[in-house]
C-alpha atoms as a PDB file:
ATOM      1  CA  UNK A   1     -11.881  50.482  88.420  1.00  0.00           C
ATOM      2  CA  UNK A   2     -10.034  53.785  87.050  1.00  0.00           C
ATOM      3  CA  UNK A   3     -12.314  55.771  84.613  1.00  0.00           C
ATOM      4  CA  UNK A   4     -10.543  57.825  81.917  1.00  0.00           C
ATOM      5  CA  UNK A   5     -11.580  61.755  82.324  1.00  0.00           C
ATOM      6  CA  UNK A   6      -9.847  64.120  80.977  1.00  0.00           C
ATOM      7  CA  UNK A   7      -9.276  66.226  84.044  1.00  0.00           C
ATOM      8  CA  UNK A   8      -7.646  63.119  86.234  1.00  0.00           C
ATOM      9  CA  UNK A   9      -4.033  62.957  87.095  1.00  0.00           C
ATOM     10  CA  UNK A  10      -2.623  59.582  86.859  1.00  0.00           C
ATOM     11  CA  UNK A  11       0.319  60.530  88.294  1.00  0.00           C
ATOM     12  CA  UNK A  12      -1.402  60.902  91.725  1.00  0.00           C
ATOM     13  CA  UNK A  13      -1.715  56.883  91.273  1.00  0.00           C
ATOM     14  CA  UNK A  14       1.256  55.510  93.486  1.00  0.00           C
ATOM     15  CA  UNK A  15       3.554  53.417  91.119  1.00  0.00           C
ATOM     16  CA  UNK A  16       1.876  55.038  88.295  1.00  0.00           C
ATOM     17  CA  UNK A  17       4.778  55.016  85.456  1.00  0.00           C
ATOM     18  CA  UNK A  18       7.461  54.287  87.489  1.00  0.00           C
ATOM     19  CA  UNK A  19       9.519  52.477  85.069  1.00  0.00           C
ATOM     20  CA  UNK A  20       9.196  55.232  82.533  1.00  0.00           C
ATOM     21  CA  UNK A  21      12.089  57.226  83.804  1.00  0.00           C
ATOM     22  CA  UNK A  22      15.359  55.503  82.521  1.00  0.00           C
ATOM     23  CA  UNK A  23      17.329  56.852  85.506  1.00  0.00           C
ATOM     24  CA  UNK A  24      14.701  55.519  87.732  1.00  0.00           C
ATOM     25  CA  UNK A  25      15.147  51.515  86.592  1.00  0.00           C
ATOM     26  CA  UNK A  26      13.745  49.530  89.556  1.00  0.00           C
ATOM     27  CA  UNK A  27      16.109  46.819  88.797  1.00  0.00           C
ATOM     28  CA  UNK A  28      19.171  48.822  89.698  1.00  0.00           C
ATOM     29  CA  UNK A  29      22.042  47.561  90.330  1.00  0.00           C
ATOM     30  CA  UNK A  30      21.084  44.013  89.956  1.00  0.00           C
ATOM     31  CA  UNK A  31      20.409  44.691  86.067  1.00  0.00           C
ATOM     32  CA  UNK A  32      22.887  45.751  83.886  1.00  0.00           C
ATOM     33  CA  UNK A  33      21.334  48.745  82.008  1.00  0.00           C
ATOM     34  CA  UNK A  34      21.813  49.035  78.052  1.00  0.00           C
ATOM     35  CA  UNK A  35      19.230  51.302  77.426  1.00  0.00           C
ATOM     36  CA  UNK A  36      17.333  49.073  74.850  1.00  0.00           C
ATOM     37  CA  UNK A  37      14.586  48.349  77.530  1.00  0.00           C
ATOM     38  CA  UNK A  38      12.642  51.412  76.830  1.00  0.00           C
ATOM     39  CA  UNK A  39      12.769  50.682  73.166  1.00  0.00           C
ATOM     40  CA  UNK A  40      11.238  47.124  73.397  1.00  0.00           C
ATOM     41  CA  UNK A  41       8.021  48.348  71.159  1.00  0.00           C
ATOM     42  CA  UNK A  42      10.210  49.693  68.349  1.00  0.00           C
ATOM     43  CA  UNK A  43      11.532  46.152  66.969  1.00  0.00           C
ATOM     44  CA  UNK A  44      11.126  44.635  63.359  1.00  0.00           C
ATOM     45  CA  UNK A  45       8.991  41.604  63.827  1.00  0.00           C
ATOM     46  CA  UNK A  46      11.008  38.445  62.351  1.00  0.00           C
ATOM     47  CA  UNK A  47       9.601  36.348  59.881  1.00  0.00           C
ATOM     48  CA  UNK A  48       6.903  33.910  60.674  1.00  0.00           C
ATOM     49  CA  UNK A  49       7.554  30.085  60.805  1.00  0.00           C
ATOM     50  CA  UNK A  50       6.467  28.834  57.702  1.00  0.00           C
ATOM     51  CA  UNK A  51       3.455  26.544  57.706  1.00  0.00           C
ATOM     52  CA  UNK A  52       3.820  23.208  55.996  1.00  0.00           C
ATOM     53  CA  UNK A  53       1.173  20.832  57.336  1.00  0.00           C
ATOM     54  CA  UNK A  54      -2.164  21.689  59.047  1.00  0.00           C
ATOM     55  CA  UNK A  55      -1.613  23.156  62.316  1.00  0.00           C
ATOM     56  CA  UNK A  56      -4.492  23.792  64.564  1.00  0.00           C
ATOM     57  CA  UNK A  57      -4.886  26.911  66.649  1.00  0.00           C
ATOM     58  CA  UNK A  58      -7.554  28.244  69.057  1.00  0.00           C
ATOM     59  CA  UNK A  59     -10.662  30.137  67.471  1.00  0.00           C
ATOM     60  CA  UNK A  60      -9.400  33.151  69.996  1.00  0.00           C
ATOM     61  CA  UNK A  61      -6.681  34.064  67.925  1.00  0.00           C
ATOM     62  CA  UNK A  62      -6.695  35.542  64.650  1.00  0.00           C
ATOM     63  CA  UNK A  63      -3.704  33.553  63.157  1.00  0.00           C
ATOM     64  CA  UNK A  64      -1.294  30.840  63.863  1.00  0.00           C
ATOM     65  CA  UNK A  65       1.301  31.674  66.411  1.00  0.00           C
ATOM     66  CA  UNK A  66       4.725  32.886  65.465  1.00  0.00           C
ATOM     67  CA  UNK A  67       6.660  29.690  66.403  1.00  0.00           C
ATOM     68  CA  UNK A  68       4.996  26.537  66.901  1.00  0.00           C
ATOM     69  CA  UNK A  69       5.782  22.755  67.195  1.00  0.00           C
ATOM     70  CA  UNK A  70       5.518  20.632  63.923  1.00  0.00           C
ATOM     71  CA  UNK A  71       4.792  16.997  65.153  1.00  0.00           C
ATOM     72  CA  UNK A  72       2.585  14.809  63.212  1.00  0.00           C
ATOM     73  CA  UNK A  73      -0.460  16.582  61.563  1.00  0.00           C
ATOM     74  CA  UNK A  74      -4.068  15.755  62.892  1.00  0.00           C
ATOM     75  CA  UNK A  75      -4.844  12.216  60.813  1.00  0.00           C
ATOM     76  CA  UNK A  76      -7.749   9.231  61.405  1.00  0.00           C
ATOM     77  CA  UNK A  77     -10.294   9.726  63.605  1.00  0.00           C
ATOM     78  CA  UNK A  78      -8.042  11.400  66.201  1.00  0.00           C
ATOM     79  CA  UNK A  79      -7.862  13.869  63.512  1.00  0.00           C
ATOM     80  CA  UNK A  80     -11.283  14.528  63.150  1.00  0.00           C
ATOM     81  CA  UNK A  81     -12.138  14.799  66.750  1.00  0.00           C
ATOM     82  CA  UNK A  82      -9.136  17.343  67.319  1.00  0.00           C
ATOM     83  CA  UNK A  83     -10.501  19.334  64.689  1.00  0.00           C
ATOM     84  CA  UNK A  84     -14.029  19.773  66.067  1.00  0.00           C
ATOM     85  CA  UNK A  85     -12.101  20.596  69.291  1.00  0.00           C
ATOM     86  CA  UNK A  86     -10.662  23.585  67.829  1.00  0.00           C
ATOM     87  CA  UNK A  87     -14.268  24.947  66.936  1.00  0.00           C
ATOM     88  CA  UNK A  88     -14.832  25.407  70.670  1.00  0.00           C
ATOM     89  CA  UNK A  89     -13.306  28.240  72.764  1.00  0.00           C
ATOM     90  CA  UNK A  90     -10.464  26.839  75.317  1.00  0.00           C
ATOM     91  CA  UNK A  91     -12.974  28.260  77.944  1.00  0.00           C
ATOM     92  CA  UNK A  92     -15.043  25.424  77.088  1.00  0.00           C
ATOM     93  CA  UNK A  93     -15.342  21.779  78.031  1.00  0.00           C
ATOM     94  CA  UNK A  94     -16.105  20.873  74.316  1.00  0.00           C
ATOM     95  CA  UNK A  95     -12.571  21.823  73.619  1.00  0.00           C
ATOM     96  CA  UNK A  96     -10.844  19.703  75.946  1.00  0.00           C
ATOM     97  CA  UNK A  97     -12.878  17.037  76.836  1.00  0.00           C
ATOM     98  CA  UNK A  98     -12.615  16.312  72.782  1.00  0.00           C
ATOM     99  CA  UNK A  99      -8.743  16.659  73.076  1.00  0.00           C
ATOM    100  CA  UNK A 100      -8.580  14.618  75.757  1.00  0.00           C
ATOM    101  CA  UNK A 101     -10.796  11.914  73.647  1.00  0.00           C
ATOM    102  CA  UNK A 102      -8.502  12.371  70.656  1.00  0.00           C
ATOM    103  CA  UNK A 103      -5.444  11.571  72.460  1.00  0.00           C
ATOM    104  CA  UNK A 104      -6.621   8.146  73.623  1.00  0.00           C
ATOM    105  CA  UNK A 105      -8.010   7.362  70.077  1.00  0.00           C
ATOM    106  CA  UNK A 106      -4.464   8.162  68.899  1.00  0.00           C
ATOM    107  CA  UNK A 107      -3.155   5.945  71.329  1.00  0.00           C
ATOM    108  CA  UNK A 108      -5.158   3.195  69.770  1.00  0.00           C
ATOM    109  CA  UNK A 109      -4.753   4.197  66.226  1.00  0.00           C
ATOM    110  CA  UNK A 110      -0.392   4.190  66.935  1.00  0.00           C
ATOM    111  CA  UNK A 111      -0.626   0.633  68.371  1.00  0.00           C
ATOM    112  CA  UNK A 112      -2.983  -0.379  65.278  1.00  0.00           C
ATOM    113  CA  UNK A 113      -0.373   1.112  63.333  1.00  0.00           C
ATOM    114  CA  UNK A 114       2.466  -0.554  64.799  1.00  0.00           C
ATOM    115  CA  UNK A 115       0.962  -4.182  64.182  1.00  0.00           C
ATOM    116  CA  UNK A 116       0.221  -3.054  60.564  1.00  0.00           C
ATOM    117  CA  UNK A 117       3.941  -2.253  60.154  1.00  0.00           C
ATOM    118  CA  UNK A 118       4.754  -5.762  61.909  1.00  0.00           C
ATOM    119  CA  UNK A 119       5.701  -4.304  65.126  1.00  0.00           C
ATOM    120  CA  UNK A 120       3.732  -5.640  67.911  1.00  0.00           C
ATOM    121  CA  UNK A 121       4.034  -3.511  71.210  1.00  0.00           C
ATOM    122  CA  UNK A 122       4.727  -4.785  74.651  1.00  0.00           C
ATOM    123  CA  UNK A 123       1.799  -2.855  76.224  1.00  0.00           C
ATOM    124  CA  UNK A 124       2.272  -4.942  79.554  1.00  0.00           C
ATOM    125  CA  UNK A 125       6.069  -3.292  79.732  1.00  0.00           C
ATOM    126  CA  UNK A 126       5.237   0.191  78.278  1.00  0.00           C
ATOM    127  CA  UNK A 127       2.467   0.753  80.323  1.00  0.00           C
ATOM    128  CA  UNK A 128       5.281  -0.067  83.723  1.00  0.00           C
ATOM    129  CA  UNK A 129       2.967  -2.946  85.140  1.00  0.00           C
ATOM    130  CA  UNK A 130       5.840  -4.726  85.626  1.00  0.00           C
ATOM    131  CA  UNK A 131       6.609  -2.269  88.379  1.00  0.00           C
ATOM    132  CA  UNK A 132       3.166  -1.743  89.389  1.00  0.00           C
ATOM    133  CA  UNK A 133       2.981  -5.650  90.160  1.00  0.00           C
ATOM    134  CA  UNK A 134       6.352  -5.453  92.050  1.00  0.00           C
ATOM    135  CA  UNK A 135       5.244  -2.424  94.043  1.00  0.00           C
ATOM    136  CA  UNK A 136       1.436  -2.301  93.992  1.00  0.00           C
ATOM    137  CA  UNK A 137       0.264  -5.651  93.447  1.00  0.00           C
ATOM    138  CA  UNK A 138      -3.093  -4.984  95.433  1.00  0.00           C
ATOM    139  CA  UNK A 139      -3.907  -1.987  93.257  1.00  0.00           C
ATOM    140  CA  UNK A 140      -3.109  -4.119  89.743  1.00  0.00           C
ATOM    141  CA  UNK A 141      -5.377  -7.285  91.059  1.00  0.00           C
ATOM    142  CA  UNK A 142      -7.987  -4.719  92.199  1.00  0.00           C
ATOM    143  CA  UNK A 143      -8.150  -2.888  88.572  1.00  0.00           C
ATOM    144  CA  UNK A 144      -8.296  -6.221  86.845  1.00  0.00           C
ATOM    145  CA  UNK A 145     -10.991  -7.408  89.250  1.00  0.00           C
ATOM    146  CA  UNK A 146     -13.014  -3.992  88.594  1.00  0.00           C
ATOM    147  CA  UNK A 147     -12.330  -4.434  84.706  1.00  0.00           C
ATOM    148  CA  UNK A 148     -13.167  -8.028  84.621  1.00  0.00           C
ATOM    149  CA  UNK A 149     -16.612  -7.292  86.400  1.00  0.00           C
ATOM    150  CA  UNK A 150     -17.264  -4.811  83.950  1.00  0.00           C
ATOM    151  CA  UNK A 151     -16.813  -6.697  80.921  1.00  0.00           C
ATOM    152  CA  UNK A 152     -19.093  -9.598  82.350  1.00  0.00           C
ATOM    153  CA  UNK A 153     -21.969  -7.325  83.250  1.00  0.00           C
ATOM    154  CA  UNK A 154     -21.776  -5.945  80.051  1.00  0.00           C
ATOM    155  CA  UNK A 155     -21.864  -9.196  78.223  1.00  0.00           C
ATOM    156  CA  UNK A 156     -24.805 -10.395  80.269  1.00  0.00           C
ATOM    157  CA  UNK A 157     -26.465  -7.087  79.791  1.00  0.00           C
ATOM    158  CA  UNK A 158     -25.938  -7.492  76.016  1.00  0.00           C
ATOM    159  CA  UNK A 159     -27.058 -11.057  75.902  1.00  0.00           C
ATOM    160  CA  UNK A 160     -30.025 -10.470  77.718  1.00  0.00           C
ATOM    161  CA  UNK A 161     -31.121  -7.510  75.552  1.00  0.00           C
ATOM    162  CA  UNK A 162     -30.635  -9.664  72.377  1.00  0.00           C
ATOM    163  CA  UNK A 163     -33.507 -12.024  74.034  1.00  0.00           C
END
């Protein structure tokens, strides 16, 4: 780690400030030099994208990004979980696990919404199960057997618990 000292000569560091001199452009001759490269900090920031719906952003950022996607705003149970996820830092499991859970719940909410509007999704086809059955039949049978075993065990457990 380099300590800042008043007497330290930074020019003794190999490569220090190598791109400060426009005559010593390291990308020459591949790059067409315009002279603007050394003025990149002297620009006027364009207007920010207007916020028309709720946009969730990381707690590491003090404000919303200059440009962001505008998909459906968070809603329902998945929206509540997403809002909770953004109370955690991006370096914590609480952030990412909640977002994964919210995605799964949002998928179920979408199916319920489709059915409510009179459209019955073909989940078998949408999940690619026809191709799985054709090319990976052994895995499909194994997954169905595991799901059946877990469901059976859960039903037996709940019935014994009632008695």
